[in-house]
Amino acid sequence: MIKIKVSLLIIALLLLSLLAWIPSSYAQSFDQNYLNWKAEQQAWDDRIQAPKSVKRAVSPVQAQPVLSTNKISLNQASVDQLQQLQGVGLKKAQAIVAYRQKQGPFKSIDELQQVRGIGPAIFAKNKTRLGL
């Protein structure tokens, strides 16, 4: 009877030690997989980050659409800059640029009223901010 109890105790201890070892091996495997994944992610991040020393060149024409008196140049402003005008969204700004490309440079700021969607009210709100 004592032999059976001792045998069962030994078997129980072996099973417990085996059960304790299995999760430990899975945890080590998981840790290693995580470290590999993290290294791969860092390598990708390093590849896609632009060098900090890269600078974009700006041509003088792009630098001057907003005049020194904070006026927006109808003949040089981009769509984004034209959207700074009151009542001018994306569509109206695109219409101004399209008009300028089709008709040539604006000869006066009053000519802006010829652009579809720009009426007297919008023109009056922005007249002081407009330049050629």
C-alpha atoms as a PDB file:
ATOM      1  CA  MET A   1       0.000   0.000   0.000  1.00  0.00           C
ATOM      2  CA  ILE A   2       2.800   2.409   0.808  1.00  0.00           C
ATOM      3  CA  LYS A   3       4.538   1.437  -2.439  1.00  0.00           C
ATOM      4  CA  ILE A   4       1.427   2.394  -4.406  1.00  0.00           C
ATOM      5  CA  LYS A   5       1.149   5.768  -2.624  1.00  0.00           C
ATOM      6  CA  VAL A   6       4.820   6.510  -3.278  1.00  0.00           C
ATOM      7  CA  SER A   7       4.455   5.469  -6.921  1.00  0.00           C
ATOM      8  CA  LEU A   8       1.380   7.660  -7.333  1.00  0.00           C
ATOM      9  CA  LEU A   9       3.188  10.541  -5.652  1.00  0.00           C
ATOM     10  CA  ILE A  10       6.158  10.178  -8.027  1.00  0.00           C
ATOM     11  CA  ILE A  11       3.866   9.987 -11.056  1.00  0.00           C
ATOM     12  CA  ALA A  12       1.952  13.054  -9.841  1.00  0.00           C
ATOM     13  CA  LEU A  13       5.187  15.005  -9.372  1.00  0.00           C
ATOM     14  CA  LEU A  14       6.373  14.016 -12.856  1.00  0.00           C
ATOM     15  CA  LEU A  15       3.075  15.116 -14.382  1.00  0.00           C
ATOM     16  CA  LEU A  16       3.163  18.428 -12.521  1.00  0.00           C
ATOM     17  CA  SER A  17       6.717  19.142 -13.620  1.00  0.00           C
ATOM     18  CA  LEU A  18       5.777  18.255 -17.208  1.00  0.00           C
ATOM     19  CA  LEU A  19       2.749  20.563 -17.056  1.00  0.00           C
ATOM     20  CA  ALA A  20       4.896  23.374 -15.678  1.00  0.00           C
ATOM     21  CA  TRP A  21       7.457  22.934 -18.477  1.00  0.00           C
ATOM     22  CA  ILE A  22       4.954  23.021 -21.405  1.00  0.00           C
ATOM     23  CA  PRO A  23       3.649  26.601 -20.861  1.00  0.00           C
ATOM     24  CA  SER A  24       7.184  27.787 -20.275  1.00  0.00           C
ATOM     25  CA  SER A  25       8.281  26.484 -23.679  1.00  0.00           C
ATOM     26  CA  TYR A  26       5.266  28.114 -25.340  1.00  0.00           C
ATOM     27  CA  ALA A  27       6.052  31.414 -23.626  1.00  0.00           C
ATOM     28  CA  GLN A  28       9.648  31.289 -24.824  1.00  0.00           C
ATOM     29  CA  SER A  29       8.463  30.534 -28.360  1.00  0.00           C
ATOM     30  CA  PHE A  30       5.994  33.427 -28.210  1.00  0.00           C
ATOM     31  CA  ASP A  31       8.672  35.798 -26.911  1.00  0.00           C
ATOM     32  CA  GLN A  32      11.026  34.827 -29.725  1.00  0.00           C
ATOM     33  CA  ASN A  33       8.288  35.243 -32.347  1.00  0.00           C
ATOM     34  CA  TYR A  34       7.465  38.679 -30.939  1.00  0.00           C
ATOM     35  CA  LEU A  35      11.101  39.765 -31.049  1.00  0.00           C
ATOM     36  CA  ASN A  36      11.381  38.601 -34.677  1.00  0.00           C
ATOM     37  CA  TRP A  37       8.194  40.470 -35.617  1.00  0.00           C
ATOM     38  CA  LYS A  38       9.392  43.611 -33.836  1.00  0.00           C
ATOM     39  CA  ALA A  39      12.723  43.511 -35.697  1.00  0.00           C
ATOM     40  CA  GLU A  40      10.901  43.132 -39.045  1.00  0.00           C
ATOM     41  CA  GLN A  41       8.637  46.079 -38.232  1.00  0.00           C
ATOM     42  CA  GLN A  42      11.607  48.250 -37.318  1.00  0.00           C
ATOM     43  CA  ALA A  43      13.328  47.312 -40.580  1.00  0.00           C
ATOM     44  CA  TRP A  44      10.194  48.338 -42.540  1.00  0.00           C
ATOM     45  CA  ASP A  45       9.935  51.590 -40.600  1.00  0.00           C
ATOM     46  CA  ASP A  46      13.566  52.390 -41.341  1.00  0.00           C
ATOM     47  CA  ARG A  47      12.989  51.783 -45.060  1.00  0.00           C
ATOM     48  CA  ILE A  48       9.908  53.957 -45.432  1.00  0.00           C
ATOM     49  CA  GLN A  49      11.021  56.951 -43.376  1.00  0.00           C
ATOM     50  CA  ALA A  50      12.271  59.763 -45.564  1.00  0.00           C
ATOM     51  CA  PRO A  51      15.685  61.134 -44.746  1.00  0.00           C
ATOM     52  CA  LYS A  52      15.409  64.244 -42.604  1.00  0.00           C
ATOM     53  CA  SER A  53      17.944  66.098 -44.719  1.00  0.00           C
ATOM     54  CA  VAL A  54      15.727  66.064 -47.834  1.00  0.00           C
ATOM     55  CA  LYS A  55      14.414  69.542 -48.618  1.00  0.00           C
ATOM     56  CA  ARG A  56      11.857  70.474 -51.238  1.00  0.00           C
ATOM     57  CA  ALA A  57      12.713  73.188 -53.686  1.00  0.00           C
ATOM     58  CA  VAL A  58      10.208  76.013 -54.021  1.00  0.00           C
ATOM     59  CA  SER A  59      10.160  78.060 -57.174  1.00  0.00           C
ATOM     60  CA  PRO A  60       9.706  81.846 -56.867  1.00  0.00           C
ATOM     61  CA  VAL A  61       6.402  81.689 -58.760  1.00  0.00           C
ATOM     62  CA  GLN A  62       4.948  79.399 -56.079  1.00  0.00           C
ATOM     63  CA  ALA A  63       6.230  81.581 -53.280  1.00  0.00           C
ATOM     64  CA  GLN A  64       4.492  84.778 -54.476  1.00  0.00           C
ATOM     65  CA  PRO A  65       0.744  84.082 -54.898  1.00  0.00           C
ATOM     66  CA  VAL A  66       0.032  85.789 -51.600  1.00  0.00           C
ATOM     67  CA  LEU A  67       1.245  89.349 -52.003  1.00  0.00           C
ATOM     68  CA  SER A  68       3.221  91.158 -49.320  1.00  0.00           C
ATOM     69  CA  THR A  69       0.085  93.019 -48.190  1.00  0.00           C
ATOM     70  CA  ASN A  70      -1.715  89.695 -47.590  1.00  0.00           C
ATOM     71  CA  LYS A  71      -3.543  90.023 -50.893  1.00  0.00           C
ATOM     72  CA  ILE A  72      -4.172  86.910 -52.919  1.00  0.00           C
ATOM     73  CA  SER A  73      -2.891  87.105 -56.477  1.00  0.00           C
ATOM     74  CA  LEU A  74      -5.614  86.041 -58.894  1.00  0.00           C
ATOM     75  CA  ASN A  75      -3.000  85.289 -61.558  1.00  0.00           C
ATOM     76  CA  GLN A  76      -0.727  83.110 -59.425  1.00  0.00           C
ATOM     77  CA  ALA A  77      -2.664  81.680 -56.482  1.00  0.00           C
ATOM     78  CA  SER A  78      -3.216  77.946 -56.190  1.00  0.00           C
ATOM     79  CA  VAL A  79      -6.590  76.318 -55.550  1.00  0.00           C
ATOM     80  CA  ASP A  80      -5.694  75.978 -51.858  1.00  0.00           C
ATOM     81  CA  GLN A  81      -4.789  79.646 -51.573  1.00  0.00           C
ATOM     82  CA  LEU A  82      -7.942  80.779 -53.381  1.00  0.00           C
ATOM     83  CA  GLN A  83     -10.015  78.807 -50.865  1.00  0.00           C
ATOM     84  CA  GLN A  84      -8.837  81.253 -48.190  1.00  0.00           C
ATOM     85  CA  LEU A  85     -11.209  83.821 -49.687  1.00  0.00           C
ATOM     86  CA  GLN A  86     -14.615  84.194 -48.020  1.00  0.00           C
ATOM     87  CA  GLY A  87     -17.301  82.131 -49.738  1.00  0.00           C
ATOM     88  CA  VAL A  88     -14.803  80.340 -51.997  1.00  0.00           C
ATOM     89  CA  GLY A  89     -14.632  76.585 -51.595  1.00  0.00           C
ATOM     90  CA  LEU A  90     -12.945  73.906 -53.649  1.00  0.00           C
ATOM     91  CA  LYS A  91     -15.286  74.120 -56.667  1.00  0.00           C
ATOM     92  CA  LYS A  92     -15.150  77.916 -56.958  1.00  0.00           C
ATOM     93  CA  ALA A  93     -11.373  77.940 -56.518  1.00  0.00           C
ATOM     94  CA  GLN A  94     -11.070  75.341 -59.282  1.00  0.00           C
ATOM     95  CA  ALA A  95     -13.362  77.451 -61.475  1.00  0.00           C
ATOM     96  CA  ILE A  96     -11.119  80.504 -60.945  1.00  0.00           C
ATOM     97  CA  VAL A  97      -8.019  78.533 -61.957  1.00  0.00           C
ATOM     98  CA  ALA A  98      -9.828  77.050 -64.977  1.00  0.00           C
ATOM     99  CA  TYR A  99     -10.976  80.523 -66.075  1.00  0.00           C
ATOM    100  CA  ARG A 100      -7.421  81.842 -65.712  1.00  0.00           C
ATOM    101  CA  GLN A 101      -6.034  78.946 -67.775  1.00  0.00           C
ATOM    102  CA  LYS A 102      -8.637  79.394 -70.513  1.00  0.00           C
ATOM    103  CA  GLN A 103      -8.827  83.217 -70.694  1.00  0.00           C
ATOM    104  CA  GLY A 104      -5.265  84.073 -69.686  1.00  0.00           C
ATOM    105  CA  PRO A 105      -4.214  86.272 -66.768  1.00  0.00           C
ATOM    106  CA  PHE A 106      -6.793  88.484 -65.105  1.00  0.00           C
ATOM    107  CA  LYS A 107      -6.516  92.071 -66.344  1.00  0.00           C
ATOM    108  CA  SER A 108      -8.352  93.524 -63.346  1.00  0.00           C
ATOM    109  CA  ILE A 109      -9.771  92.149 -60.132  1.00  0.00           C
ATOM    110  CA  ASP A 110     -13.279  93.073 -61.360  1.00  0.00           C
ATOM    111  CA  GLU A 111     -12.884  90.378 -64.019  1.00  0.00           C
ATOM    112  CA  LEU A 112     -13.219  87.787 -61.223  1.00  0.00           C
ATOM    113  CA  GLN A 113     -16.987  88.308 -61.405  1.00  0.00           C
ATOM    114  CA  GLN A 114     -16.928  86.690 -64.851  1.00  0.00           C
ATOM    115  CA  VAL A 115     -16.066  83.346 -63.206  1.00  0.00           C
ATOM    116  CA  ARG A 116     -19.058  81.068 -62.788  1.00  0.00           C
ATOM    117  CA  GLY A 117     -20.149  81.049 -59.138  1.00  0.00           C
ATOM    118  CA  ILE A 118     -18.479  84.335 -58.220  1.00  0.00           C
ATOM    119  CA  GLY A 119     -21.145  86.980 -57.931  1.00  0.00           C
ATOM    120  CA  PRO A 120     -21.187  90.547 -56.631  1.00  0.00           C
ATOM    121  CA  ALA A 121     -21.627  89.433 -53.000  1.00  0.00           C
ATOM    122  CA  ILE A 122     -18.560  87.178 -52.922  1.00  0.00           C
ATOM    123  CA  PHE A 123     -16.580  89.748 -54.903  1.00  0.00           C
ATOM    124  CA  ALA A 124     -17.512  92.532 -52.448  1.00  0.00           C
ATOM    125  CA  LYS A 125     -16.496  90.406 -49.423  1.00  0.00           C
ATOM    126  CA  ASN A 126     -13.045  89.759 -50.898  1.00  0.00           C
ATOM    127  CA  LYS A 127     -12.272  92.874 -52.953  1.00  0.00           C
ATOM    128  CA  THR A 128      -9.745  94.232 -50.452  1.00  0.00           C
ATOM    129  CA  ARG A 129      -7.866  90.916 -50.344  1.00  0.00           C
ATOM    130  CA  LEU A 130      -7.499  90.528 -54.116  1.00  0.00           C
ATOM    131  CA  GLY A 131      -4.534  91.428 -56.252  1.00  0.00           C
ATOM    132  CA  LEU A 132      -3.209  90.614 -59.695  1.00  0.00           C
END
